Amino acid sequence: MTTNRKGLLIDLDGTLYHGDTVIEGASVWIQDLQSKQIPYLFVTNNSSRTPQGVADHLTHLGIPATAEQVCTSAMAAAYYIAQQSPASSVYVIGEEGLKQAVTEHRLQLTEEQPDYVLQGIDRQFTYEKLTKALRLIAGGATFVLTNPDLQLPSHDGLLPGAGTIGASIVAATGIEPVVIGKPSAILMEYALERLGLPAKDAIVVGDNLLTDIAAGASAGCVTVLVLSGITTTDNMSTHEAKAGVKADIICQDLAEVSSALGLYSSSH
């Protein structure tokens, strides 16, 4: 890629790593972006980790990263609520990354009469929390969901994602949430603001056509699908039909992404 006018919004799980295993070429690819001074951010639906926690995980895998380069659905959700209603109160169903984001945006954590019920992944989710969410939302609290992922890959198989908890709350309340993470454009728009670029100058790179590519297209970005994770050659047509979008560029791996973006920037 030959110009600094473009920036990248890069997905993590399935694009740079699978759980605790780095994807071949990921570290070299990020180092190459750094050496060419191409602006980029890591954009993840993961709401459980703090930005520092995400950066630490990447660094542990040999991928250079700082907390300032990370955008999570938790950060975007807290920012969204703070923009809608500054200093409002929030009942959080989630983990440390979500709670930290809420307090950093000067929102008040509460369990009584909140303005918002904000839900992300919560591996200590209980029937009692579901009951509380039902009653608070029925009482008028706005329901916000960090991300709709139903499944999470892990080193020993799939895990239920934040969307499964969200589905139980929707079933209990009959209320659909405001969705922040991919495939919603809200997370991408937050990341674009952080990156300081308009959508037309940003490129979204991800492995999941249903989330990464759909969100990028919704935000108005160029999209690059890398076939290292969720979307494969075999399920591509199914995913395209379900998402209603196609990727602008499709690559087998990250090395191919670099050459494709070089071609792309020189021909546009």
Foldseek 3Di string as FASTA:
>chain_A
DQDQLFAEAEEDPLFQAPALAGDPPNQVLQVVCVVNVHHYAYEYLDQADALQRVQVSCVVNVHHDHSLRYFYLLLLQLVVCCVVPNQFEEAEQYHDSNVVSNVVSNHHYDLPQGQAYEYFDHPPDDPVVLVSLQVNVVVHHAYEYSAQQQWGGHPVGIDGTRNVVQVSSCVSRVDHHHYQAFPALSSVVVVCVSSVHQQDRYEYEEAACRGRVNNSVVSPHQYEHEPRGDDHPVCQVVRCVVSVDDHPHYHPHSVRVVVVVVVVVVVD
